[in-house]
Amino acid sequence: MALRKEVLALYRRIFKIARTWQSKTGEAEQTRVERQYIKNEARTLFHKNKEVTNEDEIAQYIREAEARIEIGVHYMIPYPRPVNVPQSVLPPGIRKRKRDEKLLKQSKPIYTKSLDKD
């Protein structure tokens, strides 16, 4: 039950941030677009994960949301930051090695985990 309260508080916090969001450029249209993106992203991800019952998985999603909030507020960019691929990994199209797959998985930051699970 404690996780439910935490999730609901997180949802409210995201929408509060969306209401008060100002774009980095300060342009009204860009601010409106970014606010709408924040709302749509929150609705989509919360709706997608509403059936999750495993407490560890819920806690992981909470950590991911908090990381995205902190990064977005700090850099004033609501969109997920790009992921850098380790230099030792071969480019796409070349035979994949297990080591490459492992390195790619390890290099993926917490704030992008739910974006891949469609």
PDB file of N, CA and C in Angstrom:
ATOM      1  N   MET A   1       0.818  -1.192   0.000  1.00  0.00           N
ATOM      2  CA  MET A   1       0.000   0.000   0.000  1.00  0.00           C
ATOM      3  C   MET A   1       0.866   1.262   0.000  1.00  0.00           C
ATOM      4  N   ALA A   2       2.034   1.185   0.608  1.00  0.00           N
ATOM      5  CA  ALA A   2       2.921   2.350   0.657  1.00  0.00           C
ATOM      6  C   ALA A   2       3.404   2.719  -0.745  1.00  0.00           C
ATOM      7  N   LEU A   3       3.636   1.702  -1.588  1.00  0.00           N
ATOM      8  CA  LEU A   3       4.068   1.979  -2.950  1.00  0.00           C
ATOM      9  C   LEU A   3       2.967   2.672  -3.743  1.00  0.00           C
ATOM     10  N   ARG A   4       1.735   2.322  -3.488  1.00  0.00           N
ATOM     11  CA  ARG A   4       0.606   2.959  -4.186  1.00  0.00           C
ATOM     12  C   ARG A   4       0.589   4.459  -3.892  1.00  0.00           C
ATOM     13  N   LYS A   5       0.772   4.819  -2.617  1.00  0.00           N
ATOM     14  CA  LYS A   5       0.797   6.234  -2.245  1.00  0.00           C
ATOM     15  C   LYS A   5       1.981   6.946  -2.899  1.00  0.00           C
ATOM     16  N   GLU A   6       3.100   6.257  -2.948  1.00  0.00           N
ATOM     17  CA  GLU A   6       4.297   6.836  -3.557  1.00  0.00           C
ATOM     18  C   GLU A   6       4.098   7.060  -5.056  1.00  0.00           C
ATOM     19  N   VAL A   7       3.469   6.099  -5.722  1.00  0.00           N
ATOM     20  CA  VAL A   7       3.204   6.210  -7.155  1.00  0.00           C
ATOM     21  C   VAL A   7       2.235   7.364  -7.426  1.00  0.00           C
ATOM     22  N   LEU A   8       1.176   7.453  -6.646  1.00  0.00           N
ATOM     23  CA  LEU A   8       0.206   8.533  -6.829  1.00  0.00           C
ATOM     24  C   LEU A   8       0.834   9.901  -6.560  1.00  0.00           C
ATOM     25  N   ALA A   9       1.677   9.985  -5.549  1.00  0.00           N
ATOM     26  CA  ALA A   9       2.366  11.246  -5.259  1.00  0.00           C
ATOM     27  C   ALA A   9       3.305  11.613  -6.414  1.00  0.00           C
ATOM     28  N   LEU A  10       3.961  10.625  -6.978  1.00  0.00           N
ATOM     29  CA  LEU A  10       4.852  10.858  -8.117  1.00  0.00           C
ATOM     30  C   LEU A  10       4.054  11.354  -9.323  1.00  0.00           C
ATOM     31  N   TYR A  11       2.907  10.750  -9.563  1.00  0.00           N
ATOM     32  CA  TYR A  11       2.042  11.153 -10.674  1.00  0.00           C
ATOM     33  C   TYR A  11       1.601  12.611 -10.504  1.00  0.00           C
ATOM     34  N   ARG A  12       1.178  12.961  -9.298  1.00  0.00           N
ATOM     35  CA  ARG A  12       0.774  14.345  -9.027  1.00  0.00           C
ATOM     36  C   ARG A  12       1.954  15.303  -9.185  1.00  0.00           C
ATOM     37  N   ARG A  13       3.125  14.877  -8.734  1.00  0.00           N
ATOM     38  CA  ARG A  13       4.327  15.718  -8.845  1.00  0.00           C
ATOM     39  C   ARG A  13       4.665  15.994 -10.303  1.00  0.00           C
ATOM     40  N   ILE A  14       4.543  14.981 -11.154  1.00  0.00           N
ATOM     41  CA  ILE A  14       4.837  15.153 -12.579  1.00  0.00           C
ATOM     42  C   ILE A  14       3.867  16.154 -13.201  1.00  0.00           C
ATOM     43  N   PHE A  15       2.596  16.044 -12.868  1.00  0.00           N
ATOM     44  CA  PHE A  15       1.625  16.970 -13.438  1.00  0.00           C
ATOM     45  C   PHE A  15       1.787  18.381 -12.876  1.00  0.00           C
ATOM     46  N   LYS A  16       2.252  18.508 -11.660  1.00  0.00           N
ATOM     47  CA  LYS A  16       2.541  19.829 -11.100  1.00  0.00           C
ATOM     48  C   LYS A  16       3.719  20.455 -11.846  1.00  0.00           C
ATOM     49  N   ILE A  17       4.728  19.650 -12.126  1.00  0.00           N
ATOM     50  CA  ILE A  17       5.874  20.137 -12.903  1.00  0.00           C
ATOM     51  C   ILE A  17       5.404  20.569 -14.294  1.00  0.00           C
ATOM     52  N   ALA A  18       4.515  19.791 -14.899  1.00  0.00           N
ATOM     53  CA  ALA A  18       4.006  20.128 -16.234  1.00  0.00           C
ATOM     54  C   ALA A  18       3.254  21.465 -16.214  1.00  0.00           C
ATOM     55  N   ARG A  19       2.486  21.716 -15.150  1.00  0.00           N
ATOM     56  CA  ARG A  19       1.733  22.980 -15.059  1.00  0.00           C
ATOM     57  C   ARG A  19       2.650  24.187 -14.947  1.00  0.00           C
ATOM     58  N   THR A  20       3.787  24.025 -14.269  1.00  0.00           N
ATOM     59  CA  THR A  20       4.673  25.157 -14.024  1.00  0.00           C
ATOM     60  C   THR A  20       5.886  25.182 -14.966  1.00  0.00           C
ATOM     61  N   TRP A  21       5.940  24.259 -15.917  1.00  0.00           N
ATOM     62  CA  TRP A  21       7.096  24.114 -16.794  1.00  0.00           C
ATOM     63  C   TRP A  21       7.285  25.346 -17.680  1.00  0.00           C
ATOM     64  N   GLN A  22       8.522  25.794 -17.803  1.00  0.00           N
ATOM     65  CA  GLN A  22       8.913  26.851 -18.738  1.00  0.00           C
ATOM     66  C   GLN A  22      10.018  26.296 -19.621  1.00  0.00           C
ATOM     67  N   SER A  23       9.881  26.468 -20.927  1.00  0.00           N
ATOM     68  CA  SER A  23      10.911  25.949 -21.829  1.00  0.00           C
ATOM     69  C   SER A  23      12.205  26.721 -21.647  1.00  0.00           C
ATOM     70  N   LYS A  24      13.273  26.126 -22.083  1.00  0.00           N
ATOM     71  CA  LYS A  24      14.590  26.742 -21.950  1.00  0.00           C
ATOM     72  C   LYS A  24      14.680  28.024 -22.771  1.00  0.00           C
ATOM     73  N   THR A  25      13.981  28.035 -23.909  1.00  0.00           N
ATOM     74  CA  THR A  25      14.003  29.212 -24.776  1.00  0.00           C
ATOM     75  C   THR A  25      13.080  30.318 -24.268  1.00  0.00           C
ATOM     76  N   GLY A  26      12.075  29.940 -23.491  1.00  0.00           N
ATOM     77  CA  GLY A  26      11.123  30.915 -22.973  1.00  0.00           C
ATOM     78  C   GLY A  26       9.994  31.237 -23.923  1.00  0.00           C
ATOM     79  N   GLU A  27       9.981  30.634 -25.101  1.00  0.00           N
ATOM     80  CA  GLU A  27       8.928  30.870 -26.083  1.00  0.00           C
ATOM     81  C   GLU A  27       7.646  30.191 -25.628  1.00  0.00           C
ATOM     82  N   ALA A  28       6.523  30.891 -25.793  1.00  0.00           N
ATOM     83  CA  ALA A  28       5.236  30.367 -25.337  1.00  0.00           C
ATOM     84  C   ALA A  28       4.851  29.081 -26.060  1.00  0.00           C
ATOM     85  N   GLU A  29       5.060  29.022 -27.365  1.00  0.00           N
ATOM     86  CA  GLU A  29       4.685  27.828 -28.135  1.00  0.00           C
ATOM     87  C   GLU A  29       5.537  26.625 -27.729  1.00  0.00           C
ATOM     88  N   GLN A  30       6.826  26.833 -27.570  1.00  0.00           N
ATOM     89  CA  GLN A  30       7.714  25.743 -27.153  1.00  0.00           C
ATOM     90  C   GLN A  30       7.348  25.266 -25.749  1.00  0.00           C
ATOM     91  N   THR A  31       7.020  26.190 -24.872  1.00  0.00           N
ATOM     92  CA  THR A  31       6.596  25.827 -23.517  1.00  0.00           C
ATOM     93  C   THR A  31       5.340  24.967 -23.568  1.00  0.00           C
ATOM     94  N   ARG A  32       4.379  25.359 -24.404  1.00  0.00           N
ATOM     95  CA  ARG A  32       3.137  24.591 -24.534  1.00  0.00           C
ATOM     96  C   ARG A  32       3.409  23.181 -25.050  1.00  0.00           C
ATOM     97  N   VAL A  33       4.289  23.067 -26.048  1.00  0.00           N
ATOM     98  CA  VAL A  33       4.634  21.757 -26.619  1.00  0.00           C
ATOM     99  C   VAL A  33       5.309  20.881 -25.566  1.00  0.00           C
ATOM    100  N   GLU A  34       6.239  21.444 -24.817  1.00  0.00           N
ATOM    101  CA  GLU A  34       6.952  20.667 -23.799  1.00  0.00           C
ATOM    102  C   GLU A  34       6.022  20.265 -22.656  1.00  0.00           C
ATOM    103  N   ARG A  35       5.129  21.143 -22.255  1.00  0.00           N
ATOM    104  CA  ARG A  35       4.156  20.787 -21.205  1.00  0.00           C
ATOM    105  C   ARG A  35       3.284  19.623 -21.658  1.00  0.00           C
ATOM    106  N   GLN A  36       2.827  19.689 -22.901  1.00  0.00           N
ATOM    107  CA  GLN A  36       1.986  18.612 -23.430  1.00  0.00           C
ATOM    108  C   GLN A  36       2.773  17.309 -23.515  1.00  0.00           C
ATOM    109  N   TYR A  37       4.042  17.393 -23.895  1.00  0.00           N
ATOM    110  CA  TYR A  37       4.882  16.189 -23.957  1.00  0.00           C
ATOM    111  C   TYR A  37       4.997  15.548 -22.570  1.00  0.00           C
ATOM    112  N   ILE A  38       5.233  16.358 -21.555  1.00  0.00           N
ATOM    113  CA  ILE A  38       5.378  15.835 -20.194  1.00  0.00           C
ATOM    114  C   ILE A  38       4.099  15.112 -19.776  1.00  0.00           C
ATOM    115  N   LYS A  39       2.958  15.729 -20.025  1.00  0.00           N
ATOM    116  CA  LYS A  39       1.675  15.114 -19.650  1.00  0.00           C
ATOM    117  C   LYS A  39       1.441  13.815 -20.414  1.00  0.00           C
ATOM    118  N   ASN A  40       1.652  13.851 -21.728  1.00  0.00           N
ATOM    119  CA  ASN A  40       1.425  12.649 -22.539  1.00  0.00           C
ATOM    120  C   ASN A  40       2.371  11.517 -22.154  1.00  0.00           C
ATOM    121  N   GLU A  41       3.626  11.844 -21.912  1.00  0.00           N
ATOM    122  CA  GLU A  41       4.616  10.824 -21.524  1.00  0.00           C
ATOM    123  C   GLU A  41       4.232  10.185 -20.195  1.00  0.00           C
ATOM    124  N   ALA A  42       3.814  11.010 -19.239  1.00  0.00           N
ATOM    125  CA  ALA A  42       3.409  10.486 -17.930  1.00  0.00           C
ATOM    126  C   ALA A  42       2.192   9.580 -18.074  1.00  0.00           C
ATOM    127  N   ARG A  43       1.193  10.047 -18.790  1.00  0.00           N
ATOM    128  CA  ARG A  43      -0.017   9.224 -18.973  1.00  0.00           C
ATOM    129  C   ARG A  43       0.313   7.901 -19.644  1.00  0.00           C
ATOM    130  N   THR A  44       1.111   7.962 -20.695  1.00  0.00           N
ATOM    131  CA  THR A  44       1.459   6.756 -21.453  1.00  0.00           C
ATOM    132  C   THR A  44       2.195   5.742 -20.589  1.00  0.00           C
ATOM    133  N   LEU A  45       3.238   6.191 -19.887  1.00  0.00           N
ATOM    134  CA  LEU A  45       4.042   5.251 -19.103  1.00  0.00           C
ATOM    135  C   LEU A  45       3.289   4.734 -17.878  1.00  0.00           C
ATOM    136  N   PHE A  46       2.525   5.588 -17.217  1.00  0.00           N
ATOM    137  CA  PHE A  46       1.762   5.115 -16.067  1.00  0.00           C
ATOM    138  C   PHE A  46       0.682   4.136 -16.513  1.00  0.00           C
ATOM    139  N   HIS A  47       0.022   4.434 -17.632  1.00  0.00           N
ATOM    140  CA  HIS A  47      -1.018   3.520 -18.137  1.00  0.00           C
ATOM    141  C   HIS A  47      -0.408   2.188 -18.570  1.00  0.00           C
ATOM    142  N   LYS A  48       0.757   2.252 -19.213  1.00  0.00           N
ATOM    143  CA  LYS A  48       1.428   1.031 -19.678  1.00  0.00           C
ATOM    144  C   LYS A  48       1.827   0.128 -18.504  1.00  0.00           C
ATOM    145  N   ASN A  49       2.177   0.732 -17.371  1.00  0.00           N
ATOM    146  CA  ASN A  49       2.673  -0.040 -16.232  1.00  0.00           C
ATOM    147  C   ASN A  49       1.648  -0.226 -15.121  1.00  0.00           C
ATOM    148  N   LYS A  50       0.376   0.055 -15.390  1.00  0.00           N
ATOM    149  CA  LYS A  50      -0.624  -0.030 -14.325  1.00  0.00           C
ATOM    150  C   LYS A  50      -0.881  -1.459 -13.853  1.00  0.00           C
ATOM    151  N   GLU A  51      -0.563  -2.435 -14.665  1.00  0.00           N
ATOM    152  CA  GLU A  51      -0.800  -3.838 -14.295  1.00  0.00           C
ATOM    153  C   GLU A  51       0.374  -4.469 -13.552  1.00  0.00           C
ATOM    154  N   VAL A  52       1.458  -3.745 -13.375  1.00  0.00           N
ATOM    155  CA  VAL A  52       2.645  -4.276 -12.699  1.00  0.00           C
ATOM    156  C   VAL A  52       2.335  -4.441 -11.214  1.00  0.00           C
ATOM    157  N   THR A  53       2.590  -5.633 -10.680  1.00  0.00           N
ATOM    158  CA  THR A  53       2.305  -5.905  -9.266  1.00  0.00           C
ATOM    159  C   THR A  53       3.560  -6.244  -8.464  1.00  0.00           C
ATOM    160  N   ASN A  54       4.651  -6.560  -9.138  1.00  0.00           N
ATOM    161  CA  ASN A  54       5.897  -6.893  -8.463  1.00  0.00           C
ATOM    162  C   ASN A  54       6.469  -5.631  -7.814  1.00  0.00           C
ATOM    163  N   GLU A  55       6.658  -5.664  -6.500  1.00  0.00           N
ATOM    164  CA  GLU A  55       7.100  -4.475  -5.774  1.00  0.00           C
ATOM    165  C   GLU A  55       8.492  -4.012  -6.193  1.00  0.00           C
ATOM    166  N   ASP A  56       9.378  -4.942  -6.514  1.00  0.00           N
ATOM    167  CA  ASP A  56      10.722  -4.567  -6.955  1.00  0.00           C
ATOM    168  C   ASP A  56      10.664  -3.826  -8.296  1.00  0.00           C
ATOM    169  N   GLU A  57       9.817  -4.321  -9.175  1.00  0.00           N
ATOM    170  CA  GLU A  57       9.663  -3.693 -10.487  1.00  0.00           C
ATOM    171  C   GLU A  57       9.024  -2.305 -10.348  1.00  0.00           C
ATOM    172  N   ILE A  58       8.049  -2.176  -9.474  1.00  0.00           N
ATOM    173  CA  ILE A  58       7.416  -0.879  -9.221  1.00  0.00           C
ATOM    174  C   ILE A  58       8.445   0.099  -8.666  1.00  0.00           C
ATOM    175  N   ALA A  59       9.263  -0.362  -7.732  1.00  0.00           N
ATOM    176  CA  ALA A  59      10.306   0.494  -7.154  1.00  0.00           C
ATOM    177  C   ALA A  59      11.295   0.938  -8.229  1.00  0.00           C
ATOM    178  N   GLN A  60      11.605   0.054  -9.168  1.00  0.00           N
ATOM    179  CA  GLN A  60      12.508   0.405 -10.265  1.00  0.00           C
ATOM    180  C   GLN A  60      11.875   1.482 -11.145  1.00  0.00           C
ATOM    181  N   TYR A  61      10.594   1.354 -11.449  1.00  0.00           N
ATOM    182  CA  TYR A  61       9.904   2.372 -12.253  1.00  0.00           C
ATOM    183  C   TYR A  61       9.857   3.706 -11.518  1.00  0.00           C
ATOM    184  N   ILE A  62       9.693   3.666 -10.215  1.00  0.00           N
ATOM    185  CA  ILE A  62       9.688   4.902  -9.419  1.00  0.00           C
ATOM    186  C   ILE A  62      11.057   5.572  -9.502  1.00  0.00           C
ATOM    187  N   ARG A  63      12.134   4.788  -9.347  1.00  0.00           N
ATOM    188  CA  ARG A  63      13.486   5.342  -9.458  1.00  0.00           C
ATOM    189  C   ARG A  63      13.720   5.945 -10.849  1.00  0.00           C
ATOM    190  N   GLU A  64      13.233   5.260 -11.868  1.00  0.00           N
ATOM    191  CA  GLU A  64      13.384   5.764 -13.229  1.00  0.00           C
ATOM    192  C   GLU A  64      12.662   7.100 -13.394  1.00  0.00           C
ATOM    193  N   ALA A  65      11.439   7.181 -12.895  1.00  0.00           N
ATOM    194  CA  ALA A  65      10.671   8.426 -13.010  1.00  0.00           C
ATOM    195  C   ALA A  65      11.352   9.559 -12.251  1.00  0.00           C
ATOM    196  N   GLU A  66      11.835   9.276 -11.068  1.00  0.00           N
ATOM    197  CA  GLU A  66      12.521  10.308 -10.287  1.00  0.00           C
ATOM    198  C   GLU A  66      13.798  10.772 -10.972  1.00  0.00           C
ATOM    199  N   ALA A  67      14.523   9.845 -11.599  1.00  0.00           N
ATOM    200  CA  ALA A  67      15.740  10.212 -12.323  1.00  0.00           C
ATOM    201  C   ALA A  67      15.402  11.098 -13.516  1.00  0.00           C
ATOM    202  N   ARG A  68      14.345  10.741 -14.246  1.00  0.00           N
ATOM    203  CA  ARG A  68      13.946  11.562 -15.394  1.00  0.00           C
ATOM    204  C   ARG A  68      13.491  12.946 -14.956  1.00  0.00           C
ATOM    205  N   ILE A  69      12.796  13.022 -13.828  1.00  0.00           N
ATOM    206  CA  ILE A  69      12.357  14.321 -13.310  1.00  0.00           C
ATOM    207  C   ILE A  69      13.567  15.172 -12.968  1.00  0.00           C
ATOM    208  N   GLU A  70      14.496  14.608 -12.207  1.00  0.00           N
ATOM    209  CA  GLU A  70      15.668  15.384 -11.785  1.00  0.00           C
ATOM    210  C   GLU A  70      16.499  15.845 -12.972  1.00  0.00           C
ATOM    211  N   ILE A  71      16.705  14.978 -13.949  1.00  0.00           N
ATOM    212  CA  ILE A  71      17.479  15.347 -15.128  1.00  0.00           C
ATOM    213  C   ILE A  71      16.736  16.420 -15.928  1.00  0.00           C
ATOM    214  N   GLY A  72      15.436  16.228 -16.117  1.00  0.00           N
ATOM    215  CA  GLY A  72      14.648  17.193 -16.876  1.00  0.00           C
ATOM    216  C   GLY A  72      14.616  18.560 -16.234  1.00  0.00           C
ATOM    217  N   VAL A  73      14.412  18.605 -14.926  1.00  0.00           N
ATOM    218  CA  VAL A  73      14.364  19.882 -14.220  1.00  0.00           C
ATOM    219  C   VAL A  73      15.745  20.540 -14.216  1.00  0.00           C
ATOM    220  N   HIS A  74      16.779  19.753 -13.998  1.00  0.00           N
ATOM    221  CA  HIS A  74      18.130  20.312 -13.949  1.00  0.00           C
ATOM    222  C   HIS A  74      18.551  20.923 -15.284  1.00  0.00           C
ATOM    223  N   TYR A  75      18.356  20.165 -16.371  1.00  0.00           N
ATOM    224  CA  TYR A  75      18.791  20.627 -17.686  1.00  0.00           C
ATOM    225  C   TYR A  75      17.713  21.427 -18.422  1.00  0.00           C
ATOM    226  N   MET A  76      16.518  21.518 -17.840  1.00  0.00           N
ATOM    227  CA  MET A  76      15.379  22.225 -18.432  1.00  0.00           C
ATOM    228  C   MET A  76      14.998  21.630 -19.794  1.00  0.00           C
ATOM    229  N   ILE A  77      15.112  20.308 -19.895  1.00  0.00           N
ATOM    230  CA  ILE A  77      14.750  19.592 -21.115  1.00  0.00           C
ATOM    231  C   ILE A  77      13.874  18.403 -20.699  1.00  0.00           C
ATOM    232  N   PRO A  78      12.622  18.349 -21.149  1.00  0.00           N
ATOM    233  CA  PRO A  78      11.736  17.265 -20.703  1.00  0.00           C
ATOM    234  C   PRO A  78      11.973  15.930 -21.405  1.00  0.00           C
ATOM    235  N   TYR A  79      12.712  15.945 -22.495  1.00  0.00           N
ATOM    236  CA  TYR A  79      12.902  14.730 -23.282  1.00  0.00           C
ATOM    237  C   TYR A  79      14.047  13.893 -22.706  1.00  0.00           C
ATOM    238  N   PRO A  80      13.981  12.559 -22.895  1.00  0.00           N
ATOM    239  CA  PRO A  80      15.069  11.712 -22.388  1.00  0.00           C
ATOM    240  C   PRO A  80      16.390  12.056 -23.072  1.00  0.00           C
ATOM    241  N   ARG A  81      17.443  12.023 -22.291  1.00  0.00           N
ATOM    242  CA  ARG A  81      18.767  12.307 -22.842  1.00  0.00           C
ATOM    243  C   ARG A  81      19.246  11.119 -23.675  1.00  0.00           C
ATOM    244  N   PRO A  82      20.028  11.357 -24.724  1.00  0.00           N
ATOM    245  CA  PRO A  82      20.517  10.257 -25.551  1.00  0.00           C
ATOM    246  C   PRO A  82      21.475   9.346 -24.788  1.00  0.00           C
ATOM    247  N   VAL A  83      21.540   8.111 -25.230  1.00  0.00           N
ATOM    248  CA  VAL A  83      22.400   7.115 -24.600  1.00  0.00           C
ATOM    249  C   VAL A  83      23.664   6.976 -25.434  1.00  0.00           C
ATOM    250  N   ASN A  84      24.805   7.003 -24.788  1.00  0.00           N
ATOM    251  CA  ASN A  84      26.076   6.819 -25.477  1.00  0.00           C
ATOM    252  C   ASN A  84      26.464   5.346 -25.454  1.00  0.00           C
ATOM    253  N   VAL A  85      26.861   4.857 -26.605  1.00  0.00           N
ATOM    254  CA  VAL A  85      27.262   3.462 -26.742  1.00  0.00           C
ATOM    255  C   VAL A  85      28.756   3.371 -26.419  1.00  0.00           C
ATOM    256  N   PRO A  86      29.165   2.351 -25.669  1.00  0.00           N
ATOM    257  CA  PRO A  86      30.595   2.190 -25.372  1.00  0.00           C
ATOM    258  C   PRO A  86      31.421   2.073 -26.657  1.00  0.00           C
ATOM    259  N   GLN A  87      32.642   2.592 -26.635  1.00  0.00           N
ATOM    260  CA  GLN A  87      33.486   2.611 -27.828  1.00  0.00           C
ATOM    261  C   GLN A  87      33.865   1.224 -28.321  1.00  0.00           C
ATOM    262  N   SER A  88      33.934   0.272 -27.441  1.00  0.00           N
ATOM    263  CA  SER A  88      34.394  -1.059 -27.842  1.00  0.00           C
ATOM    264  C   SER A  88      33.296  -1.896 -28.515  1.00  0.00           C
ATOM    265  N   VAL A  89      32.084  -1.375 -28.599  1.00  0.00           N
ATOM    266  CA  VAL A  89      30.981  -2.123 -29.197  1.00  0.00           C
ATOM    267  C   VAL A  89      30.990  -1.913 -30.708  1.00  0.00           C
ATOM    268  N   LEU A  90      30.782  -3.005 -31.448  1.00  0.00           N
ATOM    269  CA  LEU A  90      30.769  -2.930 -32.905  1.00  0.00           C
ATOM    270  C   LEU A  90      29.508  -2.228 -33.399  1.00  0.00           C
ATOM    271  N   PRO A  91      29.580  -1.548 -34.546  1.00  0.00           N
ATOM    272  CA  PRO A  91      28.409  -0.867 -35.088  1.00  0.00           C
ATOM    273  C   PRO A  91      27.362  -1.865 -35.564  1.00  0.00           C
ATOM    274  N   PRO A  92      26.112  -1.409 -35.741  1.00  0.00           N
ATOM    275  CA  PRO A  92      25.057  -2.314 -36.215  1.00  0.00           C
ATOM    276  C   PRO A  92      25.409  -2.903 -37.578  1.00  0.00           C
ATOM    277  N   GLY A  93      24.949  -4.109 -37.835  1.00  0.00           N
ATOM    278  CA  GLY A  93      25.210  -4.764 -39.113  1.00  0.00           C
ATOM    279  C   GLY A  93      26.390  -5.708 -39.067  1.00  0.00           C
ATOM    280  N   ILE A  94      27.287  -5.487 -38.150  1.00  0.00           N
ATOM    281  CA  ILE A  94      28.433  -6.385 -37.992  1.00  0.00           C
ATOM    282  C   ILE A  94      28.043  -7.442 -36.963  1.00  0.00           C
ATOM    283  N   ARG A  95      28.572  -8.637 -37.139  1.00  0.00           N
ATOM    284  CA  ARG A  95      28.216  -9.756 -36.272  1.00  0.00           C
ATOM    285  C   ARG A  95      28.263  -9.348 -34.795  1.00  0.00           C
ATOM    286  N   LYS A  96      27.145  -9.556 -34.121  1.00  0.00           N
ATOM    287  CA  LYS A  96      27.052  -9.217 -32.692  1.00  0.00           C
ATOM    288  C   LYS A  96      27.741 -10.279 -31.856  1.00  0.00           C
ATOM    289  N   ARG A  97      28.378  -9.820 -30.837  1.00  0.00           N
ATOM    290  CA  ARG A  97      28.984 -10.726 -29.876  1.00  0.00           C
ATOM    291  C   ARG A  97      28.215 -10.611 -28.573  1.00  0.00           C
ATOM    292  N   LYS A  98      28.250 -11.656 -27.789  1.00  0.00           N
ATOM    293  CA  LYS A  98      27.554 -11.626 -26.503  1.00  0.00           C
ATOM    294  C   LYS A  98      28.094 -10.511 -25.618  1.00  0.00           C
ATOM    295  N   ARG A  99      29.375 -10.287 -25.711  1.00  0.00           N
ATOM    296  CA  ARG A  99      29.994  -9.229 -24.908  1.00  0.00           C
ATOM    297  C   ARG A  99      29.421  -7.864 -25.290  1.00  0.00           C
ATOM    298  N   ASP A 100      29.208  -7.637 -26.601  1.00  0.00           N
ATOM    299  CA  ASP A 100      28.644  -6.372 -27.065  1.00  0.00           C
ATOM    300  C   ASP A 100      27.234  -6.174 -26.521  1.00  0.00           C
ATOM    301  N   GLU A 101      26.444  -7.233 -26.588  1.00  0.00           N
ATOM    302  CA  GLU A 101      25.076  -7.138 -26.080  1.00  0.00           C
ATOM    303  C   GLU A 101      25.070  -6.829 -24.584  1.00  0.00           C
ATOM    304  N   LYS A 102      25.980  -7.464 -23.856  1.00  0.00           N
ATOM    305  CA  LYS A 102      26.086  -7.233 -22.416  1.00  0.00           C
ATOM    306  C   LYS A 102      26.508  -5.786 -22.131  1.00  0.00           C
ATOM    307  N   LEU A 103      27.484  -5.279 -22.895  1.00  0.00           N
ATOM    308  CA  LEU A 103      27.941  -3.900 -22.714  1.00  0.00           C
ATOM    309  C   LEU A 103      26.831  -2.896 -23.033  1.00  0.00           C
ATOM    310  N   LEU A 104      26.069  -3.158 -24.078  1.00  0.00           N
ATOM    311  CA  LEU A 104      24.961  -2.270 -24.424  1.00  0.00           C
ATOM    312  C   LEU A 104      23.910  -2.240 -23.315  1.00  0.00           C
ATOM    313  N   LYS A 105      23.608  -3.411 -22.778  1.00  0.00           N
ATOM    314  CA  LYS A 105      22.627  -3.488 -21.708  1.00  0.00           C
ATOM    315  C   LYS A 105      23.125  -2.759 -20.460  1.00  0.00           C
ATOM    316  N   GLN A 106      24.400  -2.917 -20.138  1.00  0.00           N
ATOM    317  CA  GLN A 106      24.962  -2.266 -18.957  1.00  0.00           C
ATOM    318  C   GLN A 106      25.085  -0.752 -19.132  1.00  0.00           C
ATOM    319  N   SER A 107      25.271  -0.294 -20.362  1.00  0.00           N
ATOM    320  CA  SER A 107      25.467   1.139 -20.584  1.00  0.00           C
ATOM    321  C   SER A 107      24.159   1.919 -20.605  1.00  0.00           C
ATOM    322  N   LYS A 108      23.041   1.228 -20.658  1.00  0.00           N
ATOM    323  CA  LYS A 108      21.747   1.906 -20.721  1.00  0.00           C
ATOM    324  C   LYS A 108      21.407   2.487 -19.355  1.00  0.00           C
ATOM    325  N   PRO A 109      21.210   3.808 -19.281  1.00  0.00           N
ATOM    326  CA  PRO A 109      20.898   4.431 -17.987  1.00  0.00           C
ATOM    327  C   PRO A 109      19.494   4.076 -17.513  1.00  0.00           C
ATOM    328  N   ILE A 110      19.258   4.252 -16.228  1.00  0.00           N
ATOM    329  CA  ILE A 110      17.987   3.874 -15.619  1.00  0.00           C
ATOM    330  C   ILE A 110      16.821   4.663 -16.190  1.00  0.00           C
ATOM    331  N   TYR A 111      17.064   5.895 -16.612  1.00  0.00           N
ATOM    332  CA  TYR A 111      15.955   6.731 -17.049  1.00  0.00           C
ATOM    333  C   TYR A 111      15.454   6.411 -18.456  1.00  0.00           C
ATOM    334  N   THR A 112      16.000   5.392 -19.108  1.00  0.00           N
ATOM    335  CA  THR A 112      15.522   5.006 -20.440  1.00  0.00           C
ATOM    336  C   THR A 112      15.007   3.571 -20.488  1.00  0.00           C
ATOM    337  N   LYS A 113      14.951   2.886 -19.379  1.00  0.00           N
ATOM    338  CA  LYS A 113      14.567   1.475 -19.374  1.00  0.00           C
ATOM    339  C   LYS A 113      13.156   1.255 -19.925  1.00  0.00           C
ATOM    340  N   SER A 114      12.173   2.047 -19.510  1.00  0.00           N
ATOM    341  CA  SER A 114      10.790   1.803 -19.911  1.00  0.00           C
ATOM    342  C   SER A 114      10.521   2.252 -21.341  1.00  0.00           C
ATOM    343  N   LEU A 115      11.407   2.995 -21.951  1.00  0.00           N
ATOM    344  CA  LEU A 115      11.188   3.434 -23.322  1.00  0.00           C
ATOM    345  C   LEU A 115      11.327   2.281 -24.306  1.00  0.00           C
ATOM    346  N   ASP A 116      12.090   1.251 -23.975  1.00  0.00           N
ATOM    347  CA  ASP A 116      12.313   0.128 -24.877  1.00  0.00           C
ATOM    348  C   ASP A 116      11.234  -0.949 -24.793  1.00  0.00           C
ATOM    349  N   LYS A 117      10.532  -1.007 -23.692  1.00  0.00           N
ATOM    350  CA  LYS A 117       9.553  -2.080 -23.477  1.00  0.00           C
ATOM    351  C   LYS A 117       8.205  -1.685 -24.064  1.00  0.00           C
ATOM    352  N   ASP A 118       8.036  -1.941 -25.359  1.00  0.00           N
ATOM    353  CA  ASP A 118       6.764  -1.615 -26.005  1.00  0.00           C
ATOM    354  C   ASP A 118       5.941  -2.831 -26.273  1.00  0.00           C
TER     355      ASP A 118
END
